[in-house]
Amino acid sequence: MNSTPDERFSSFATFYPFYLKEHSHPTSRRLHFFGSLGALWCLVQLAITGQAIWLVAGLVFGYAMAWIGHFFFEKNRPATFKYPIYSLMGDWVMFKDILTGKIKF
């Protein structure tokens, strides 16, 4: 599925195949996976310590890992800029799909 600049997705189900295409490079997928894992770790730290810095750290780490994957490996613009909610959902669905072996790590 090729995306045009004006394309709008009517549902997450129609967005996710586009999302996976935008994350086809194995290194990019791995960076996204580790970014999500690091963000989860930071949320655990937030819950344990109550220090808000862990929320900031989780966001920075998660997005930094993903954006490195896009800019250096995929050579595309993160979907976050145009589809922030669907992109966030895609991150976690892809994370789950990697964990369950549905998507190759």
PDB file of N, CA and C in Angstrom:
ATOM      1  N   MET A   1       0.848  -1.183   0.000  1.00  0.00           N
ATOM      2  CA  MET A   1       0.000   0.000   0.000  1.00  0.00           C
ATOM      3  C   MET A   1       0.884   1.233   0.000  1.00  0.00           C
ATOM      4  N   ASN A   2       0.762   2.065  -0.972  1.00  0.00           N
ATOM      5  CA  ASN A   2       1.525   3.301  -1.039  1.00  0.00           C
ATOM      6  C   ASN A   2       0.703   4.427  -0.448  1.00  0.00           C
ATOM      7  N   SER A   3       1.341   5.203   0.379  1.00  0.00           N
ATOM      8  CA  SER A   3       0.649   6.319   0.993  1.00  0.00           C
ATOM      9  C   SER A   3       0.897   7.588   0.189  1.00  0.00           C
ATOM     10  N   THR A   4      -0.150   8.339  -0.001  1.00  0.00           N
ATOM     11  CA  THR A   4      -0.007   9.645  -0.623  1.00  0.00           C
ATOM     12  C   THR A   4      -0.071  10.683   0.475  1.00  0.00           C
ATOM     13  N   PRO A   5       0.445  11.886   0.237  1.00  0.00           N
ATOM     14  CA  PRO A   5       0.458  12.899   1.293  1.00  0.00           C
ATOM     15  C   PRO A   5      -0.924  13.212   1.858  1.00  0.00           C
ATOM     16  N   ASP A   6      -1.978  13.063   1.074  1.00  0.00           N
ATOM     17  CA  ASP A   6      -3.319  13.412   1.543  1.00  0.00           C
ATOM     18  C   ASP A   6      -4.129  12.206   2.004  1.00  0.00           C
ATOM     19  N   GLU A   7      -3.515  11.021   2.016  1.00  0.00           N
ATOM     20  CA  GLU A   7      -4.243   9.820   2.397  1.00  0.00           C
ATOM     21  C   GLU A   7      -4.668   9.890   3.863  1.00  0.00           C
ATOM     22  N   ARG A   8      -5.883   9.478   4.120  1.00  0.00           N
ATOM     23  CA  ARG A   8      -6.407   9.388   5.479  1.00  0.00           C
ATOM     24  C   ARG A   8      -6.861   7.955   5.699  1.00  0.00           C
ATOM     25  N   PHE A   9      -6.616   7.455   6.867  1.00  0.00           N
ATOM     26  CA  PHE A   9      -7.021   6.097   7.186  1.00  0.00           C
ATOM     27  C   PHE A   9      -8.308   6.149   8.000  1.00  0.00           C
ATOM     28  N   SER A  10      -9.255   5.314   7.617  1.00  0.00           N
ATOM     29  CA  SER A  10     -10.564   5.331   8.269  1.00  0.00           C
ATOM     30  C   SER A  10     -10.594   4.497   9.540  1.00  0.00           C
ATOM     31  N   SER A  11      -9.577   3.649   9.728  1.00  0.00           N
ATOM     32  CA  SER A  11      -9.523   2.811  10.921  1.00  0.00           C
ATOM     33  C   SER A  11      -8.088   2.359  11.150  1.00  0.00           C
ATOM     34  N   PHE A  12      -7.847   1.848  12.350  1.00  0.00           N
ATOM     35  CA  PHE A  12      -6.518   1.309  12.632  1.00  0.00           C
ATOM     36  C   PHE A  12      -6.245   0.092  11.760  1.00  0.00           C
ATOM     37  N   ALA A  13      -7.279  -0.691  11.459  1.00  0.00           N
ATOM     38  CA  ALA A  13      -7.118  -1.881  10.612  1.00  0.00           C
ATOM     39  C   ALA A  13      -6.598  -1.509   9.225  1.00  0.00           C
ATOM     40  N   THR A  14      -6.994  -0.376   8.701  1.00  0.00           N
ATOM     41  CA  THR A  14      -6.489   0.052   7.393  1.00  0.00           C
ATOM     42  C   THR A  14      -5.122   0.726   7.518  1.00  0.00           C
ATOM     43  N   PHE A  15      -4.823   1.269   8.683  1.00  0.00           N
ATOM     44  CA  PHE A  15      -3.546   1.931   8.915  1.00  0.00           C
ATOM     45  C   PHE A  15      -2.402   0.942   9.156  1.00  0.00           C
ATOM     46  N   TYR A  16      -2.664  -0.137   9.882  1.00  0.00           N
ATOM     47  CA  TYR A  16      -1.599  -1.034  10.326  1.00  0.00           C
ATOM     48  C   TYR A  16      -0.772  -1.622   9.178  1.00  0.00           C
ATOM     49  N   PRO A  17      -1.355  -2.049   8.051  1.00  0.00           N
ATOM     50  CA  PRO A  17      -0.501  -2.515   6.947  1.00  0.00           C
ATOM     51  C   PRO A  17       0.463  -1.426   6.448  1.00  0.00           C
ATOM     52  N   PHE A  18      -0.008  -0.188   6.398  1.00  0.00           N
ATOM     53  CA  PHE A  18       0.861   0.936   6.039  1.00  0.00           C
ATOM     54  C   PHE A  18       1.974   1.083   7.080  1.00  0.00           C
ATOM     55  N   TYR A  19       1.607   1.004   8.345  1.00  0.00           N
ATOM     56  CA  TYR A  19       2.565   1.116   9.439  1.00  0.00           C
ATOM     57  C   TYR A  19       3.656   0.057   9.305  1.00  0.00           C
ATOM     58  N   LEU A  20       3.271  -1.185   9.045  1.00  0.00           N
ATOM     59  CA  LEU A  20       4.253  -2.267   8.906  1.00  0.00           C
ATOM     60  C   LEU A  20       5.174  -2.038   7.715  1.00  0.00           C
ATOM     61  N   LYS A  21       4.627  -1.508   6.630  1.00  0.00           N
ATOM     62  CA  LYS A  21       5.455  -1.200   5.457  1.00  0.00           C
ATOM     63  C   LYS A  21       6.498  -0.135   5.803  1.00  0.00           C
ATOM     64  N   GLU A  22       6.107   0.818   6.619  1.00  0.00           N
ATOM     65  CA  GLU A  22       7.008   1.893   7.042  1.00  0.00           C
ATOM     66  C   GLU A  22       8.051   1.399   8.051  1.00  0.00           C
ATOM     67  N   HIS A  23       7.902   0.156   8.509  1.00  0.00           N
ATOM     68  CA  HIS A  23       8.823  -0.445   9.476  1.00  0.00           C
ATOM     69  C   HIS A  23       9.341  -1.776   8.936  1.00  0.00           C
ATOM     70  N   SER A  24       9.738  -1.784   7.683  1.00  0.00           N
ATOM     71  CA  SER A  24      10.140  -3.032   7.041  1.00  0.00           C
ATOM     72  C   SER A  24      11.604  -3.404   7.291  1.00  0.00           C
ATOM     73  N   HIS A  25      12.434  -2.450   7.648  1.00  0.00           N
ATOM     74  CA  HIS A  25      13.847  -2.730   7.904  1.00  0.00           C
ATOM     75  C   HIS A  25      13.991  -3.410   9.276  1.00  0.00           C
ATOM     76  N   PRO A  26      14.659  -4.561   9.326  1.00  0.00           N
ATOM     77  CA  PRO A  26      14.776  -5.284  10.601  1.00  0.00           C
ATOM     78  C   PRO A  26      15.398  -4.460  11.729  1.00  0.00           C
ATOM     79  N   THR A  27      16.400  -3.662  11.422  1.00  0.00           N
ATOM     80  CA  THR A  27      17.033  -2.844  12.473  1.00  0.00           C
ATOM     81  C   THR A  27      16.056  -1.807  13.004  1.00  0.00           C
ATOM     82  N   SER A  28      15.263  -1.237  12.137  1.00  0.00           N
ATOM     83  CA  SER A  28      14.265  -0.266  12.575  1.00  0.00           C
ATOM     84  C   SER A  28      13.249  -0.923  13.507  1.00  0.00           C
ATOM     85  N   ARG A  29      12.782  -2.118  13.127  1.00  0.00           N
ATOM     86  CA  ARG A  29      11.825  -2.839  13.991  1.00  0.00           C
ATOM     87  C   ARG A  29      12.452  -3.143  15.348  1.00  0.00           C
ATOM     88  N   ARG A  30      13.714  -3.552  15.340  1.00  0.00           N
ATOM     89  CA  ARG A  30      14.399  -3.853  16.601  1.00  0.00           C
ATOM     90  C   ARG A  30      14.544  -2.599  17.466  1.00  0.00           C
ATOM     91  N   LEU A  31      14.891  -1.481  16.841  1.00  0.00           N
ATOM     92  CA  LEU A  31      14.995  -0.226  17.597  1.00  0.00           C
ATOM     93  C   LEU A  31      13.650   0.161  18.194  1.00  0.00           C
ATOM     94  N   HIS A  32      12.569  -0.005  17.417  1.00  0.00           N
ATOM     95  CA  HIS A  32      11.233   0.266  17.946  1.00  0.00           C
ATOM     96  C   HIS A  32      10.921  -0.656  19.127  1.00  0.00           C
ATOM     97  N   PHE A  33      11.254  -1.921  18.977  1.00  0.00           N
ATOM     98  CA  PHE A  33      10.994  -2.890  20.044  1.00  0.00           C
ATOM     99  C   PHE A  33      11.723  -2.491  21.324  1.00  0.00           C
ATOM    100  N   PHE A  34      13.025  -2.202  21.205  1.00  0.00           N
ATOM    101  CA  PHE A  34      13.793  -1.835  22.393  1.00  0.00           C
ATOM    102  C   PHE A  34      13.366  -0.478  22.949  1.00  0.00           C
ATOM    103  N   GLY A  35      12.925   0.423  22.077  1.00  0.00           N
ATOM    104  CA  GLY A  35      12.388   1.695  22.556  1.00  0.00           C
ATOM    105  C   GLY A  35      11.128   1.490  23.383  1.00  0.00           C
ATOM    106  N   SER A  36      10.255   0.614  22.913  1.00  0.00           N
ATOM    107  CA  SER A  36       9.027   0.309  23.657  1.00  0.00           C
ATOM    108  C   SER A  36       9.348  -0.396  24.970  1.00  0.00           C
ATOM    109  N   LEU A  37      10.284  -1.330  24.923  1.00  0.00           N
ATOM    110  CA  LEU A  37      10.687  -2.045  26.125  1.00  0.00           C
ATOM    111  C   LEU A  37      11.287  -1.076  27.149  1.00  0.00           C
ATOM    112  N   GLY A  38      12.127  -0.168  26.675  1.00  0.00           N
ATOM    113  CA  GLY A  38      12.714   0.837  27.570  1.00  0.00           C
ATOM    114  C   GLY A  38      11.662   1.766  28.144  1.00  0.00           C
ATOM    115  N   ALA A  39      10.672   2.125  27.328  1.00  0.00           N
ATOM    116  CA  ALA A  39       9.585   2.977  27.819  1.00  0.00           C
ATOM    117  C   ALA A  39       8.787   2.261  28.911  1.00  0.00           C
ATOM    118  N   LEU A  40       8.546   0.969  28.723  1.00  0.00           N
ATOM    119  CA  LEU A  40       7.850   0.187  29.758  1.00  0.00           C
ATOM    120  C   LEU A  40       8.660   0.153  31.046  1.00  0.00           C
ATOM    121  N   TRP A  41       9.968  -0.042  30.913  1.00  0.00           N
ATOM    122  CA  TRP A  41      10.840  -0.061  32.081  1.00  0.00           C
ATOM    123  C   TRP A  41      10.763   1.276  32.829  1.00  0.00           C
ATOM    124  N   CYS A  42      10.754   2.363  32.062  1.00  0.00           N
ATOM    125  CA  CYS A  42      10.652   3.694  32.682  1.00  0.00           C
ATOM    126  C   CYS A  42       9.308   3.862  33.393  1.00  0.00           C
ATOM    127  N   LEU A  43       8.233   3.319  32.815  1.00  0.00           N
ATOM    128  CA  LEU A  43       6.921   3.398  33.485  1.00  0.00           C
ATOM    129  C   LEU A  43       6.922   2.608  34.790  1.00  0.00           C
ATOM    130  N   VAL A  44       7.608   1.482  34.804  1.00  0.00           N
ATOM    131  CA  VAL A  44       7.738   0.712  36.047  1.00  0.00           C
ATOM    132  C   VAL A  44       8.492   1.537  37.078  1.00  0.00           C
ATOM    133  N   GLN A  45       9.563   2.187  36.649  1.00  0.00           N
ATOM    134  CA  GLN A  45      10.332   3.039  37.559  1.00  0.00           C
ATOM    135  C   GLN A  45       9.473   4.195  38.087  1.00  0.00           C
ATOM    136  N   LEU A  46       8.646   4.754  37.212  1.00  0.00           N
ATOM    137  CA  LEU A  46       7.722   5.814  37.639  1.00  0.00           C
ATOM    138  C   LEU A  46       6.786   5.293  38.720  1.00  0.00           C
ATOM    139  N   ALA A  47       6.247   4.104  38.515  1.00  0.00           N
ATOM    140  CA  ALA A  47       5.331   3.516  39.494  1.00  0.00           C
ATOM    141  C   ALA A  47       6.029   3.235  40.823  1.00  0.00           C
ATOM    142  N   ILE A  48       7.276   2.812  40.752  1.00  0.00           N
ATOM    143  CA  ILE A  48       8.030   2.483  41.970  1.00  0.00           C
ATOM    144  C   ILE A  48       8.448   3.734  42.728  1.00  0.00           C
ATOM    145  N   THR A  49       8.966   4.726  41.991  1.00  0.00           N
ATOM    146  CA  THR A  49       9.547   5.905  42.655  1.00  0.00           C
ATOM    147  C   THR A  49       8.597   7.087  42.760  1.00  0.00           C
ATOM    148  N   GLY A  50       7.624   7.147  41.865  1.00  0.00           N
ATOM    149  CA  GLY A  50       6.738   8.310  41.831  1.00  0.00           C
ATOM    150  C   GLY A  50       7.394   9.558  41.262  1.00  0.00           C
ATOM    151  N   GLN A  51       8.599   9.420  40.719  1.00  0.00           N
ATOM    152  CA  GLN A  51       9.321  10.563  40.170  1.00  0.00           C
ATOM    153  C   GLN A  51       8.945  10.770  38.703  1.00  0.00           C
ATOM    154  N   ALA A  52       8.420  11.943  38.399  1.00  0.00           N
ATOM    155  CA  ALA A  52       7.925  12.247  37.054  1.00  0.00           C
ATOM    156  C   ALA A  52       9.008  12.195  35.982  1.00  0.00           C
ATOM    157  N   ILE A  53      10.251  12.310  36.381  1.00  0.00           N
ATOM    158  CA  ILE A  53      11.339  12.256  35.403  1.00  0.00           C
ATOM    159  C   ILE A  53      11.308  10.953  34.620  1.00  0.00           C
ATOM    160  N   TRP A  54      10.806   9.879  35.224  1.00  0.00           N
ATOM    161  CA  TRP A  54      10.721   8.590  34.532  1.00  0.00           C
ATOM    162  C   TRP A  54       9.718   8.630  33.387  1.00  0.00           C
ATOM    163  N   LEU A  55       8.678   9.420  33.520  1.00  0.00           N
ATOM    164  CA  LEU A  55       7.717   9.582  32.421  1.00  0.00           C
ATOM    165  C   LEU A  55       8.402  10.281  31.247  1.00  0.00           C
ATOM    166  N   VAL A  56       9.123  11.337  31.545  1.00  0.00           N
ATOM    167  CA  VAL A  56       9.863  12.069  30.513  1.00  0.00           C
ATOM    168  C   VAL A  56      10.915  11.156  29.878  1.00  0.00           C
ATOM    169  N   ALA A  57      11.639  10.430  30.706  1.00  0.00           N
ATOM    170  CA  ALA A  57      12.681   9.531  30.198  1.00  0.00           C
ATOM    171  C   ALA A  57      12.084   8.461  29.282  1.00  0.00           C
ATOM    172  N   GLY A  58      10.938   7.918  29.653  1.00  0.00           N
ATOM    173  CA  GLY A  58      10.288   6.902  28.829  1.00  0.00           C
ATOM    174  C   GLY A  58       9.892   7.444  27.474  1.00  0.00           C
ATOM    175  N   LEU A  59       9.323   8.637  27.458  1.00  0.00           N
ATOM    176  CA  LEU A  59       8.935   9.254  26.189  1.00  0.00           C
ATOM    177  C   LEU A  59      10.150   9.550  25.319  1.00  0.00           C
ATOM    178  N   VAL A  60      11.172  10.144  25.922  1.00  0.00           N
ATOM    179  CA  VAL A  60      12.378  10.494  25.168  1.00  0.00           C
ATOM    180  C   VAL A  60      13.056   9.240  24.632  1.00  0.00           C
ATOM    181  N   PHE A  61      13.228   8.233  25.473  1.00  0.00           N
ATOM    182  CA  PHE A  61      13.910   7.020  25.041  1.00  0.00           C
ATOM    183  C   PHE A  61      13.120   6.299  23.949  1.00  0.00           C
ATOM    184  N   GLY A  62      11.825   6.129  24.169  1.00  0.00           N
ATOM    185  CA  GLY A  62      10.996   5.425  23.186  1.00  0.00           C
ATOM    186  C   GLY A  62      10.997   6.106  21.834  1.00  0.00           C
ATOM    187  N   TYR A  63      10.775   7.406  21.826  1.00  0.00           N
ATOM    188  CA  TYR A  63      10.754   8.126  20.547  1.00  0.00           C
ATOM    189  C   TYR A  63      12.141   8.228  19.920  1.00  0.00           C
ATOM    190  N   ALA A  64      13.179   8.396  20.720  1.00  0.00           N
ATOM    191  CA  ALA A  64      14.537   8.489  20.169  1.00  0.00           C
ATOM    192  C   ALA A  64      14.908   7.203  19.436  1.00  0.00           C
ATOM    193  N   MET A  65      14.643   6.076  20.039  1.00  0.00           N
ATOM    194  CA  MET A  65      14.971   4.797  19.399  1.00  0.00           C
ATOM    195  C   MET A  65      14.192   4.643  18.090  1.00  0.00           C
ATOM    196  N   ALA A  66      12.903   4.972  18.124  1.00  0.00           N
ATOM    197  CA  ALA A  66      12.074   4.840  16.923  1.00  0.00           C
ATOM    198  C   ALA A  66      12.546   5.789  15.827  1.00  0.00           C
ATOM    199  N   TRP A  67      12.822   7.018  16.171  1.00  0.00           N
ATOM    200  CA  TRP A  67      13.214   7.994  15.161  1.00  0.00           C
ATOM    201  C   TRP A  67      14.587   7.688  14.570  1.00  0.00           C
ATOM    202  N   ILE A  68      15.478   7.127  15.358  1.00  0.00           N
ATOM    203  CA  ILE A  68      16.762   6.681  14.803  1.00  0.00           C
ATOM    204  C   ILE A  68      16.499   5.623  13.735  1.00  0.00           C
ATOM    205  N   GLY A  69      15.586   4.714  14.031  1.00  0.00           N
ATOM    206  CA  GLY A  69      15.224   3.687  13.048  1.00  0.00           C
ATOM    207  C   GLY A  69      14.682   4.275  11.762  1.00  0.00           C
ATOM    208  N   HIS A  70      13.851   5.292  11.890  1.00  0.00           N
ATOM    209  CA  HIS A  70      13.271   5.912  10.691  1.00  0.00           C
ATOM    210  C   HIS A  70      14.302   6.706   9.900  1.00  0.00           C
ATOM    211  N   PHE A  71      15.039   7.558  10.565  1.00  0.00           N
ATOM    212  CA  PHE A  71      15.936   8.467   9.868  1.00  0.00           C
ATOM    213  C   PHE A  71      17.173   7.778   9.293  1.00  0.00           C
ATOM    214  N   PHE A  72      17.684   6.755   9.982  1.00  0.00           N
ATOM    215  CA  PHE A  72      18.934   6.133   9.540  1.00  0.00           C
ATOM    216  C   PHE A  72      18.751   4.803   8.811  1.00  0.00           C
ATOM    217  N   PHE A  73      17.658   4.113   9.045  1.00  0.00           N
ATOM    218  CA  PHE A  73      17.481   2.798   8.425  1.00  0.00           C
ATOM    219  C   PHE A  73      16.321   2.767   7.444  1.00  0.00           C
ATOM    220  N   GLU A  74      15.175   3.248   7.838  1.00  0.00           N
ATOM    221  CA  GLU A  74      14.019   3.265   6.931  1.00  0.00           C
ATOM    222  C   GLU A  74      14.140   4.388   5.909  1.00  0.00           C
ATOM    223  N   LYS A  75      14.784   5.475   6.336  1.00  0.00           N
ATOM    224  CA  LYS A  75      14.904   6.670   5.490  1.00  0.00           C
ATOM    225  C   LYS A  75      13.523   7.227   5.127  1.00  0.00           C
ATOM    226  N   ASN A  76      12.664   7.268   6.135  1.00  0.00           N
ATOM    227  CA  ASN A  76      11.327   7.829   5.950  1.00  0.00           C
ATOM    228  C   ASN A  76      10.954   8.677   7.163  1.00  0.00           C
ATOM    229  N   ARG A  77       9.849   9.350   7.054  1.00  0.00           N
ATOM    230  CA  ARG A  77       9.372  10.220   8.125  1.00  0.00           C
ATOM    231  C   ARG A  77       8.461   9.420   9.044  1.00  0.00           C
ATOM    232  N   PRO A  78       8.678   9.470  10.364  1.00  0.00           N
ATOM    233  CA  PRO A  78       7.822   8.711  11.271  1.00  0.00           C
ATOM    234  C   PRO A  78       6.342   9.058  11.092  1.00  0.00           C
ATOM    235  N   ALA A  79       5.506   8.045  11.131  1.00  0.00           N
ATOM    236  CA  ALA A  79       4.059   8.237  11.006  1.00  0.00           C
ATOM    237  C   ALA A  79       3.497   9.036  12.182  1.00  0.00           C
ATOM    238  N   THR A  80       4.268   9.128  13.256  1.00  0.00           N
ATOM    239  CA  THR A  80       3.846   9.883  14.445  1.00  0.00           C
ATOM    240  C   THR A  80       3.462  11.317  14.102  1.00  0.00           C
ATOM    241  N   PHE A  81       4.155  11.906  13.132  1.00  0.00           N
ATOM    242  CA  PHE A  81       3.915  13.302  12.797  1.00  0.00           C
ATOM    243  C   PHE A  81       2.542  13.518  12.157  1.00  0.00           C
ATOM    244  N   LYS A  82       2.058  12.527  11.419  1.00  0.00           N
ATOM    245  CA  LYS A  82       0.788  12.682  10.735  1.00  0.00           C
ATOM    246  C   LYS A  82      -0.352  11.899  11.398  1.00  0.00           C
ATOM    247  N   TYR A  83      -0.011  10.772  11.996  1.00  0.00           N
ATOM    248  CA  TYR A  83      -1.006   9.884  12.608  1.00  0.00           C
ATOM    249  C   TYR A  83      -0.571   9.521  14.030  1.00  0.00           C
ATOM    250  N   PRO A  84      -0.570  10.467  14.960  1.00  0.00           N
ATOM    251  CA  PRO A  84      -0.003  10.195  16.280  1.00  0.00           C
ATOM    252  C   PRO A  84      -0.690   9.066  17.054  1.00  0.00           C
ATOM    253  N   ILE A  85      -2.011   9.001  17.026  1.00  0.00           N
ATOM    254  CA  ILE A  85      -2.714   7.967  17.788  1.00  0.00           C
ATOM    255  C   ILE A  85      -2.534   6.601  17.138  1.00  0.00           C
ATOM    256  N   TYR A  86      -2.782   6.511  15.838  1.00  0.00           N
ATOM    257  CA  TYR A  86      -2.602   5.246  15.136  1.00  0.00           C
ATOM    258  C   TYR A  86      -1.157   4.774  15.212  1.00  0.00           C
ATOM    259  N   SER A  87      -0.219   5.691  15.148  1.00  0.00           N
ATOM    260  CA  SER A  87       1.189   5.329  15.222  1.00  0.00           C
ATOM    261  C   SER A  87       1.530   4.742  16.592  1.00  0.00           C
ATOM    262  N   LEU A  88       1.041   5.366  17.646  1.00  0.00           N
ATOM    263  CA  LEU A  88       1.269   4.847  18.993  1.00  0.00           C
ATOM    264  C   LEU A  88       0.641   3.462  19.141  1.00  0.00           C
ATOM    265  N   MET A  89      -0.565   3.304  18.621  1.00  0.00           N
ATOM    266  CA  MET A  89      -1.210   1.990  18.651  1.00  0.00           C
ATOM    267  C   MET A  89      -0.378   0.977  17.861  1.00  0.00           C
ATOM    268  N   GLY A  90       0.121   1.397  16.695  1.00  0.00           N
ATOM    269  CA  GLY A  90       0.933   0.519  15.867  1.00  0.00           C
ATOM    270  C   GLY A  90       2.201   0.072  16.580  1.00  0.00           C
ATOM    271  N   ASP A  91       2.820   0.984  17.333  1.00  0.00           N
ATOM    272  CA  ASP A  91       4.028   0.630  18.085  1.00  0.00           C
ATOM    273  C   ASP A  91       3.755  -0.548  19.017  1.00  0.00           C
ATOM    274  N   TRP A  92       2.639  -0.468  19.735  1.00  0.00           N
ATOM    275  CA  TRP A  92       2.344  -1.507  20.727  1.00  0.00           C
ATOM    276  C   TRP A  92       1.833  -2.788  20.095  1.00  0.00           C
ATOM    277  N   VAL A  93       1.106  -2.681  18.986  1.00  0.00           N
ATOM    278  CA  VAL A  93       0.675  -3.894  18.292  1.00  0.00           C
ATOM    279  C   VAL A  93       1.893  -4.587  17.686  1.00  0.00           C
ATOM    280  N   MET A  94       2.801  -3.813  17.075  1.00  0.00           N
ATOM    281  CA  MET A  94       4.012  -4.410  16.521  1.00  0.00           C
ATOM    282  C   MET A  94       4.857  -5.026  17.632  1.00  0.00           C
ATOM    283  N   PHE A  95       4.950  -4.375  18.779  1.00  0.00           N
ATOM    284  CA  PHE A  95       5.684  -4.910  19.935  1.00  0.00           C
ATOM    285  C   PHE A  95       5.116  -6.272  20.314  1.00  0.00           C
ATOM    286  N   LYS A  96       3.784  -6.353  20.410  1.00  0.00           N
ATOM    287  CA  LYS A  96       3.118  -7.608  20.741  1.00  0.00           C
ATOM    288  C   LYS A  96       3.352  -8.648  19.655  1.00  0.00           C
ATOM    289  N   ASP A  97       3.262  -8.226  18.388  1.00  0.00           N
ATOM    290  CA  ASP A  97       3.460  -9.153  17.276  1.00  0.00           C
ATOM    291  C   ASP A  97       4.891  -9.701  17.235  1.00  0.00           C
ATOM    292  N   ILE A  98       5.861  -8.893  17.634  1.00  0.00           N
ATOM    293  CA  ILE A  98       7.247  -9.374  17.717  1.00  0.00           C
ATOM    294  C   ILE A  98       7.381 -10.361  18.881  1.00  0.00           C
ATOM    295  N   LEU A  99       6.790 -10.001  20.031  1.00  0.00           N
ATOM    296  CA  LEU A  99       6.861 -10.898  21.191  1.00  0.00           C
ATOM    297  C   LEU A  99       6.240 -12.260  20.918  1.00  0.00           C
ATOM    298  N   THR A 100       5.142 -12.276  20.169  1.00  0.00           N
ATOM    299  CA  THR A 100       4.438 -13.534  19.908  1.00  0.00           C
ATOM    300  C   THR A 100       4.970 -14.259  18.674  1.00  0.00           C
ATOM    301  N   GLY A 101       5.943 -13.669  17.985  1.00  0.00           N
ATOM    302  CA  GLY A 101       6.534 -14.314  16.820  1.00  0.00           C
ATOM    303  C   GLY A 101       5.763 -14.105  15.522  1.00  0.00           C
ATOM    304  N   LYS A 102       4.734 -13.303  15.558  1.00  0.00           N
ATOM    305  CA  LYS A 102       3.958 -13.021  14.336  1.00  0.00           C
ATOM    306  C   LYS A 102       4.795 -12.205  13.354  1.00  0.00           C
ATOM    307  N   ILE A 103       5.643 -11.338  13.881  1.00  0.00           N
ATOM    308  CA  ILE A 103       6.573 -10.546  13.074  1.00  0.00           C
ATOM    309  C   ILE A 103       7.978 -10.960  13.456  1.00  0.00           C
ATOM    310  N   LYS A 104       8.805 -11.162  12.443  1.00  0.00           N
ATOM    311  CA  LYS A 104      10.197 -11.573  12.694  1.00  0.00           C
ATOM    312  C   LYS A 104      10.969 -10.460  13.380  1.00  0.00           C
ATOM    313  N   PHE A 105      11.716 -10.835  14.411  1.00  0.00           N
ATOM    314  CA  PHE A 105      12.561  -9.899  15.132  1.00  0.00           C
ATOM    315  C   PHE A 105      13.836  -9.745  14.353  1.00  0.00           C
TER     316      PHE A 105
END
